PDB file of all heavy atoms in Angstrom:
ATOM      1  N   LEU A   1     -13.692  22.825 -13.604  1.00  0.00           N
ATOM      2  CA  LEU A   1     -12.376  22.967 -12.994  1.00  0.00           C
ATOM      3  C   LEU A   1     -12.212  22.107 -11.747  1.00  0.00           C
ATOM      4  O   LEU A   1     -11.188  22.154 -11.084  1.00  0.00           O
ATOM      5  CB  LEU A   1     -12.113  24.438 -12.646  1.00  0.00           C
ATOM      6  CG  LEU A   1     -12.036  25.384 -13.850  1.00  0.00           C
ATOM      7  CD1 LEU A   1     -11.917  26.823 -13.389  1.00  0.00           C
ATOM      8  CD2 LEU A   1     -10.869  25.022 -14.745  1.00  0.00           C
ATOM      9  N   GLY A   2     -13.216  21.336 -11.412  1.00  0.00           N
ATOM     10  CA  GLY A   2     -13.113  20.472 -10.237  1.00  0.00           C
ATOM     11  C   GLY A   2     -14.423  20.439  -9.487  1.00  0.00           C
ATOM     12  O   GLY A   2     -15.397  21.088  -9.863  1.00  0.00           O
ATOM     13  N   VAL A   3     -14.445  19.696  -8.399  1.00  0.00           N
ATOM     14  CA  VAL A   3     -15.676  19.525  -7.628  1.00  0.00           C
ATOM     15  C   VAL A   3     -16.187  20.859  -7.113  1.00  0.00           C
ATOM     16  O   VAL A   3     -17.377  21.162  -7.169  1.00  0.00           O
ATOM     17  CB  VAL A   3     -15.441  18.549  -6.464  1.00  0.00           C
ATOM     18  CG1 VAL A   3     -16.683  18.454  -5.600  1.00  0.00           C
ATOM     19  CG2 VAL A   3     -15.079  17.166  -7.007  1.00  0.00           C
ATOM     20  N   GLU A   4     -15.270  21.709  -6.602  1.00  0.00           N
ATOM     21  CA  GLU A   4     -15.690  22.987  -6.043  1.00  0.00           C
ATOM     22  C   GLU A   4     -15.497  24.141  -7.012  1.00  0.00           C
ATOM     23  O   GLU A   4     -16.103  25.191  -6.863  1.00  0.00           O
ATOM     24  CB  GLU A   4     -14.905  23.285  -4.762  1.00  0.00           C
ATOM     25  CG  GLU A   4     -15.153  22.299  -3.636  1.00  0.00           C
ATOM     26  CD  GLU A   4     -14.310  22.606  -2.424  1.00  0.00           C
ATOM     27  OE1 GLU A   4     -13.369  23.411  -2.532  1.00  0.00           O
ATOM     28  OE2 GLU A   4     -14.602  22.042  -1.349  1.00  0.00           O
ATOM     29  N   GLY A   5     -14.620  23.978  -7.978  1.00  0.00           N
ATOM     30  CA  GLY A   5     -14.342  25.066  -8.905  1.00  0.00           C
ATOM     31  C   GLY A   5     -13.356  26.077  -8.385  1.00  0.00           C
ATOM     32  O   GLY A   5     -13.092  27.083  -9.043  1.00  0.00           O
ATOM     33  N   ASN A   6     -12.811  25.849  -7.174  1.00  0.00           N
ATOM     34  CA  ASN A   6     -11.779  26.720  -6.619  1.00  0.00           C
ATOM     35  C   ASN A   6     -10.452  25.987  -6.707  1.00  0.00           C
ATOM     36  O   ASN A   6     -10.323  24.864  -6.227  1.00  0.00           O
ATOM     37  CB  ASN A   6     -12.088  27.066  -5.160  1.00  0.00           C
ATOM     38  CG  ASN A   6     -13.395  27.814  -5.021  1.00  0.00           C
ATOM     39  OD1 ASN A   6     -13.594  28.864  -5.607  1.00  0.00           O
ATOM     40  ND2 ASN A   6     -14.315  27.260  -4.233  1.00  0.00           N
ATOM     41  N   PHE A   7      -9.452  26.633  -7.316  1.00  0.00           N
ATOM     42  CA  PHE A   7      -8.219  25.901  -7.576  1.00  0.00           C
ATOM     43  C   PHE A   7      -7.040  26.848  -7.684  1.00  0.00           C
ATOM     44  O   PHE A   7      -7.172  27.974  -8.159  1.00  0.00           O
ATOM     45  CB  PHE A   7      -8.347  25.099  -8.868  1.00  0.00           C
ATOM     46  CG  PHE A   7      -7.316  24.016  -9.031  1.00  0.00           C
ATOM     47  CD1 PHE A   7      -7.446  22.823  -8.336  1.00  0.00           C
ATOM     48  CD2 PHE A   7      -6.232  24.187  -9.870  1.00  0.00           C
ATOM     49  CE1 PHE A   7      -6.503  21.811  -8.472  1.00  0.00           C
ATOM     50  CE2 PHE A   7      -5.288  23.195 -10.021  1.00  0.00           C
ATOM     51  CZ  PHE A   7      -5.421  21.999  -9.318  1.00  0.00           C
ATOM     52  N   SER A   8      -5.887  26.376  -7.210  1.00  0.00           N
ATOM     53  CA  SER A   8      -4.627  27.092  -7.388  1.00  0.00           C
ATOM     54  C   SER A   8      -3.658  26.188  -8.127  1.00  0.00           C
ATOM     55  O   SER A   8      -3.494  25.024  -7.763  1.00  0.00           O
ATOM     56  CB  SER A   8      -4.038  27.494  -6.030  1.00  0.00           C
ATOM     57  OG  SER A   8      -2.708  27.968  -6.181  1.00  0.00           O
ATOM     58  N   TRP A   9      -3.026  26.734  -9.147  1.00  0.00           N
ATOM     59  CA  TRP A   9      -2.025  25.974  -9.893  1.00  0.00           C
ATOM     60  C   TRP A   9      -0.621  26.155  -9.298  1.00  0.00           C
ATOM     61  O   TRP A   9       0.320  25.539  -9.753  1.00  0.00           O
ATOM     62  CB  TRP A   9      -2.029  26.386 -11.358  1.00  0.00           C
ATOM     63  CG  TRP A   9      -3.156  25.788 -12.142  1.00  0.00           C
ATOM     64  CD1 TRP A   9      -3.107  24.684 -12.948  1.00  0.00           C
ATOM     65  CD2 TRP A   9      -4.523  26.229 -12.202  1.00  0.00           C
ATOM     66  NE1 TRP A   9      -4.344  24.415 -13.498  1.00  0.00           N
ATOM     67  CE2 TRP A   9      -5.230  25.355 -13.066  1.00  0.00           C
ATOM     68  CE3 TRP A   9      -5.222  27.286 -11.611  1.00  0.00           C
ATOM     69  CZ2 TRP A   9      -6.589  25.509 -13.345  1.00  0.00           C
ATOM     70  CZ3 TRP A   9      -6.568  27.441 -11.889  1.00  0.00           C
ATOM     71  CH2 TRP A   9      -7.243  26.558 -12.742  1.00  0.00           C
ATOM     72  N   GLY A  10      -0.466  27.019  -8.291  1.00  0.00           N
ATOM     73  CA  GLY A  10       0.807  27.223  -7.632  1.00  0.00           C
ATOM     74  C   GLY A  10       1.710  28.231  -8.314  1.00  0.00           C
ATOM     75  O   GLY A  10       2.701  28.679  -7.725  1.00  0.00           O
ATOM     76  N   ASP A  11       1.368  28.602  -9.547  1.00  0.00           N
ATOM     77  CA  ASP A  11       2.199  29.541 -10.308  1.00  0.00           C
ATOM     78  C   ASP A  11       1.616  30.949 -10.332  1.00  0.00           C
ATOM     79  O   ASP A  11       2.029  31.788 -11.135  1.00  0.00           O
ATOM     80  CB  ASP A  11       2.385  29.033 -11.743  1.00  0.00           C
ATOM     81  CG  ASP A  11       1.061  28.949 -12.509  1.00  0.00           C
ATOM     82  OD1 ASP A  11      -0.009  29.180 -11.909  1.00  0.00           O
ATOM     83  OD2 ASP A  11       1.105  28.650 -13.723  1.00  0.00           O
ATOM     84  N   GLY A  12       0.658  31.200  -9.449  1.00  0.00           N
ATOM     85  CA  GLY A  12      -0.036  32.478  -9.413  1.00  0.00           C
ATOM     86  C   GLY A  12      -1.422  32.418 -10.008  1.00  0.00           C
ATOM     87  O   GLY A  12      -2.249  33.301  -9.767  1.00  0.00           O
ATOM     88  N   THR A  13      -1.696  31.366 -10.784  1.00  0.00           N
ATOM     89  CA  THR A  13      -3.011  31.216 -11.398  1.00  0.00           C
ATOM     90  C   THR A  13      -3.983  30.620 -10.398  1.00  0.00           C
ATOM     91  O   THR A  13      -3.701  29.579  -9.797  1.00  0.00           O
ATOM     92  CB  THR A  13      -2.934  30.303 -12.631  1.00  0.00           C
ATOM     93  OG1 THR A  13      -1.932  30.797 -13.523  1.00  0.00           O
ATOM     94  CG2 THR A  13      -4.265  30.247 -13.348  1.00  0.00           C
ATOM     95  N   VAL A  14      -5.119  31.285 -10.200  1.00  0.00           N
ATOM     96  CA  VAL A  14      -6.150  30.771  -9.301  1.00  0.00           C
ATOM     97  C   VAL A  14      -7.515  30.947  -9.958  1.00  0.00           C
ATOM     98  O   VAL A  14      -7.747  31.908 -10.690  1.00  0.00           O
ATOM     99  CB  VAL A  14      -6.134  31.476  -7.916  1.00  0.00           C
ATOM    100  CG1 VAL A  14      -4.823  31.246  -7.206  1.00  0.00           C
ATOM    101  CG2 VAL A  14      -6.418  32.962  -8.040  1.00  0.00           C
ATOM    102  N   ALA A  15      -8.402  30.001  -9.712  1.00  0.00           N
ATOM    103  CA  ALA A  15      -9.776  30.083 -10.183  1.00  0.00           C
ATOM    104  C   ALA A  15     -10.700  30.080  -8.981  1.00  0.00           C
ATOM    105  O   ALA A  15     -10.519  29.296  -8.049  1.00  0.00           O
ATOM    106  CB  ALA A  15     -10.100  28.910 -11.108  1.00  0.00           C
ATOM    107  N   ILE A  16     -11.671  30.970  -9.004  1.00  0.00           N
ATOM    108  CA  ILE A  16     -12.606  31.126  -7.892  1.00  0.00           C
ATOM    109  C   ILE A  16     -14.026  30.956  -8.402  1.00  0.00           C
ATOM    110  O   ILE A  16     -14.462  31.663  -9.318  1.00  0.00           O
ATOM    111  CB  ILE A  16     -12.476  32.532  -7.257  1.00  0.00           C
ATOM    112  CG1 ILE A  16     -11.032  32.855  -6.882  1.00  0.00           C
ATOM    113  CG2 ILE A  16     -13.420  32.654  -6.061  1.00  0.00           C
ATOM    114  CD1 ILE A  16     -10.391  31.910  -5.915  1.00  0.00           C
ATOM    115  N   ASN A  17     -14.762  30.020  -7.833  1.00  0.00           N
ATOM    116  CA  ASN A  17     -16.175  29.828  -8.127  1.00  0.00           C
ATOM    117  C   ASN A  17     -16.985  30.609  -7.091  1.00  0.00           C
ATOM    118  O   ASN A  17     -17.062  30.200  -5.935  1.00  0.00           O
ATOM    119  CB  ASN A  17     -16.510  28.331  -8.061  1.00  0.00           C
ATOM    120  CG  ASN A  17     -17.995  28.043  -8.151  1.00  0.00           C
ATOM    121  OD1 ASN A  17     -18.788  28.898  -8.534  1.00  0.00           O
ATOM    122  ND2 ASN A  17     -18.372  26.823  -7.794  1.00  0.00           N
ATOM    123  N   TYR A  18     -17.585  31.721  -7.519  1.00  0.00           N
ATOM    124  CA  TYR A  18     -18.370  32.515  -6.555  1.00  0.00           C
ATOM    125  C   TYR A  18     -19.826  32.056  -6.473  1.00  0.00           C
ATOM    126  O   TYR A  18     -20.616  32.587  -5.698  1.00  0.00           O
ATOM    127  CB  TYR A  18     -18.284  34.016  -6.851  1.00  0.00           C
ATOM    128  CG  TYR A  18     -18.831  34.461  -8.188  1.00  0.00           C
ATOM    129  CD1 TYR A  18     -20.202  34.504  -8.433  1.00  0.00           C
ATOM    130  CD2 TYR A  18     -17.981  34.878  -9.204  1.00  0.00           C
ATOM    131  CE1 TYR A  18     -20.714  34.941  -9.641  1.00  0.00           C
ATOM    132  CE2 TYR A  18     -18.476  35.321 -10.429  1.00  0.00           C
ATOM    133  CZ  TYR A  18     -19.842  35.343 -10.643  1.00  0.00           C
ATOM    134  OH  TYR A  18     -20.344  35.769 -11.850  1.00  0.00           O
ATOM    135  N   GLY A  19     -20.180  31.039  -7.280  1.00  0.00           N
ATOM    136  CA  GLY A  19     -21.460  30.390  -7.066  1.00  0.00           C
ATOM    137  C   GLY A  19     -22.586  30.865  -7.958  1.00  0.00           C
ATOM    138  O   GLY A  19     -22.389  31.302  -9.091  1.00  0.00           O
ATOM    139  N   ASN A  20     -23.764  30.793  -7.418  1.00  0.00           N
ATOM    140  CA  ASN A  20     -25.004  31.078  -8.136  1.00  0.00           C
ATOM    141  C   ASN A  20     -25.857  32.011  -7.287  1.00  0.00           C
ATOM    142  O   ASN A  20     -25.531  32.259  -6.117  1.00  0.00           O
ATOM    143  CB  ASN A  20     -25.729  29.765  -8.415  1.00  0.00           C
ATOM    144  CG  ASN A  20     -26.021  29.005  -7.138  1.00  0.00           C
ATOM    145  OD1 ASN A  20     -26.903  29.371  -6.358  1.00  0.00           O
ATOM    146  ND2 ASN A  20     -25.270  27.934  -6.885  1.00  0.00           N
ATOM    147  N   PRO A  21     -26.936  32.562  -7.828  1.00  0.00           N
ATOM    148  CA  PRO A  21     -27.702  33.552  -7.074  1.00  0.00           C
ATOM    149  C   PRO A  21     -28.122  33.130  -5.669  1.00  0.00           C
ATOM    150  O   PRO A  21     -28.010  33.916  -4.729  1.00  0.00           O
ATOM    151  CB  PRO A  21     -28.911  33.809  -7.978  1.00  0.00           C
ATOM    152  CG  PRO A  21     -28.351  33.624  -9.362  1.00  0.00           C
ATOM    153  CD  PRO A  21     -27.403  32.459  -9.232  1.00  0.00           C
ATOM    154  N   ASP A  22     -28.589  31.902  -5.494  1.00  0.00           N
ATOM    155  CA  ASP A  22     -29.012  31.467  -4.160  1.00  0.00           C
ATOM    156  C   ASP A  22     -27.813  31.373  -3.214  1.00  0.00           C
ATOM    157  O   ASP A  22     -27.888  31.772  -2.047  1.00  0.00           O
ATOM    158  CB  ASP A  22     -29.724  30.111  -4.232  1.00  0.00           C
ATOM    159  CG  ASP A  22     -31.102  30.212  -4.855  1.00  0.00           C
ATOM    160  OD1 ASP A  22     -31.626  31.332  -4.964  1.00  0.00           O
ATOM    161  OD2 ASP A  22     -31.655  29.160  -5.247  1.00  0.00           O
ATOM    162  N   TRP A  23     -26.703  30.817  -3.689  1.00  0.00           N
ATOM    163  CA  TRP A  23     -25.500  30.708  -2.872  1.00  0.00           C
ATOM    164  C   TRP A  23     -24.962  32.095  -2.515  1.00  0.00           C
ATOM    165  O   TRP A  23     -24.558  32.344  -1.383  1.00  0.00           O
ATOM    166  CB  TRP A  23     -24.446  29.896  -3.633  1.00  0.00           C
ATOM    167  CG  TRP A  23     -23.140  29.760  -2.916  1.00  0.00           C
ATOM    168  CD1 TRP A  23     -22.002  30.492  -3.134  1.00  0.00           C
ATOM    169  CD2 TRP A  23     -22.829  28.854  -1.845  1.00  0.00           C
ATOM    170  NE1 TRP A  23     -20.994  30.098  -2.277  1.00  0.00           N
ATOM    171  CE2 TRP A  23     -21.488  29.094  -1.483  1.00  0.00           C
ATOM    172  CE3 TRP A  23     -23.545  27.873  -1.182  1.00  0.00           C
ATOM    173  CZ2 TRP A  23     -20.843  28.380  -0.474  1.00  0.00           C
ATOM    174  CZ3 TRP A  23     -22.909  27.154  -0.184  1.00  0.00           C
ATOM    175  CH2 TRP A  23     -21.584  27.408   0.170  1.00  0.00           C
ATOM    176  N   ILE A  24     -24.975  32.992  -3.477  1.00  0.00           N
ATOM    177  CA  ILE A  24     -24.497  34.358  -3.253  1.00  0.00           C
ATOM    178  C   ILE A  24     -25.322  35.034  -2.169  1.00  0.00           C
ATOM    179  O   ILE A  24     -24.782  35.660  -1.250  1.00  0.00           O
ATOM    180  CB  ILE A  24     -24.540  35.151  -4.568  1.00  0.00           C
ATOM    181  CG1 ILE A  24     -23.480  34.607  -5.546  1.00  0.00           C
ATOM    182  CG2 ILE A  24     -24.323  36.643  -4.323  1.00  0.00           C
ATOM    183  CD1 ILE A  24     -23.674  35.077  -6.977  1.00  0.00           C
ATOM    184  N   ALA A  25     -26.631  34.899  -2.255  1.00  0.00           N
ATOM    185  CA  ALA A  25     -27.513  35.535  -1.274  1.00  0.00           C
ATOM    186  C   ALA A  25     -27.311  34.957   0.122  1.00  0.00           C
ATOM    187  O   ALA A  25     -27.422  35.674   1.123  1.00  0.00           O
ATOM    188  CB  ALA A  25     -28.967  35.369  -1.706  1.00  0.00           C
ATOM    189  N   ALA A  26     -26.997  33.678   0.197  1.00  0.00           N
ATOM    190  CA  ALA A  26     -26.853  33.019   1.503  1.00  0.00           C
ATOM    191  C   ALA A  26     -25.475  33.219   2.121  1.00  0.00           C
ATOM    192  O   ALA A  26     -25.280  32.898   3.299  1.00  0.00           O
ATOM    193  CB  ALA A  26     -27.138  31.527   1.358  1.00  0.00           C
ATOM    194  N   ASN A  27     -24.516  33.751   1.354  1.00  0.00           N
ATOM    195  CA  ASN A  27     -23.144  33.832   1.839  1.00  0.00           C
ATOM    196  C   ASN A  27     -22.547  35.226   1.753  1.00  0.00           C
ATOM    197  O   ASN A  27     -21.329  35.377   1.610  1.00  0.00           O
ATOM    198  CB  ASN A  27     -22.270  32.833   1.078  1.00  0.00           C
ATOM    199  CG  ASN A  27     -22.559  31.400   1.464  1.00  0.00           C
ATOM    200  OD1 ASN A  27     -22.018  30.874   2.431  1.00  0.00           O
ATOM    201  ND2 ASN A  27     -23.439  30.741   0.708  1.00  0.00           N
ATOM    202  N   GLY A  28     -23.397  36.221   1.856  1.00  0.00           N
ATOM    203  CA  GLY A  28     -22.904  37.587   2.024  1.00  0.00           C
ATOM    204  C   GLY A  28     -22.523  38.326   0.770  1.00  0.00           C
ATOM    205  O   GLY A  28     -21.911  39.405   0.852  1.00  0.00           O
ATOM    206  N   GLY A  29     -22.828  37.784  -0.405  1.00  0.00           N
ATOM    207  CA  GLY A  29     -22.552  38.492  -1.643  1.00  0.00           C
ATOM    208  C   GLY A  29     -21.268  38.048  -2.314  1.00  0.00           C
ATOM    209  O   GLY A  29     -20.419  37.374  -1.720  1.00  0.00           O
ATOM    210  N   VAL A  30     -21.126  38.431  -3.569  1.00  0.00           N
ATOM    211  CA  VAL A  30     -19.990  37.995  -4.376  1.00  0.00           C
ATOM    212  C   VAL A  30     -18.668  38.476  -3.794  1.00  0.00           C
ATOM    213  O   VAL A  30     -17.682  37.728  -3.751  1.00  0.00           O
ATOM    214  CB  VAL A  30     -20.140  38.490  -5.832  1.00  0.00           C
ATOM    215  CG1 VAL A  30     -18.887  38.169  -6.649  1.00  0.00           C
ATOM    216  CG2 VAL A  30     -21.358  37.857  -6.492  1.00  0.00           C
ATOM    217  N   LEU A  31     -18.613  39.715  -3.319  1.00  0.00           N
ATOM    218  CA  LEU A  31     -17.351  40.251  -2.813  1.00  0.00           C
ATOM    219  C   LEU A  31     -16.861  39.451  -1.615  1.00  0.00           C
ATOM    220  O   LEU A  31     -15.668  39.131  -1.508  1.00  0.00           O
ATOM    221  CB  LEU A  31     -17.506  41.725  -2.445  1.00  0.00           C
ATOM    222  CG  LEU A  31     -16.215  42.440  -2.022  1.00  0.00           C
ATOM    223  CD1 LEU A  31     -15.197  42.425  -3.150  1.00  0.00           C
ATOM    224  CD2 LEU A  31     -16.512  43.873  -1.589  1.00  0.00           C
ATOM    225  N   SER A  32     -17.760  39.101  -0.715  1.00  0.00           N
ATOM    226  CA  SER A  32     -17.389  38.319   0.457  1.00  0.00           C
ATOM    227  C   SER A  32     -16.909  36.924   0.061  1.00  0.00           C
ATOM    228  O   SER A  32     -15.874  36.452   0.543  1.00  0.00           O
ATOM    229  CB  SER A  32     -18.585  38.206   1.414  1.00  0.00           C
ATOM    230  OG  SER A  32     -18.272  37.375   2.510  1.00  0.00           O
ATOM    231  N   ILE A  33     -17.647  36.264  -0.822  1.00  0.00           N
ATOM    232  CA  ILE A  33     -17.271  34.914  -1.258  1.00  0.00           C
ATOM    233  C   ILE A  33     -15.935  34.943  -1.989  1.00  0.00           C
ATOM    234  O   ILE A  33     -15.037  34.137  -1.716  1.00  0.00           O
ATOM    235  CB  ILE A  33     -18.363  34.334  -2.169  1.00  0.00           C
ATOM    236  CG1 ILE A  33     -19.678  34.166  -1.406  1.00  0.00           C
ATOM    237  CG2 ILE A  33     -17.917  32.994  -2.767  1.00  0.00           C
ATOM    238  CD1 ILE A  33     -20.877  33.910  -2.295  1.00  0.00           C
ATOM    239  N   ALA A  34     -15.789  35.889  -2.905  1.00  0.00           N
ATOM    240  CA  ALA A  34     -14.564  35.972  -3.694  1.00  0.00           C
ATOM    241  C   ALA A  34     -13.358  36.295  -2.822  1.00  0.00           C
ATOM    242  O   ALA A  34     -12.264  35.754  -3.039  1.00  0.00           O
ATOM    243  CB  ALA A  34     -14.726  37.031  -4.788  1.00  0.00           C
TER     244      ALA A  34
END
């Protein structure tokens, strides 16, 4: 979906890349990232 995987189409559709286990652990968990 792109370099970061986070995207808004402007019509209400959004995609969120919450990452991988190492990224999740380093950034406070999935709920915080999302």
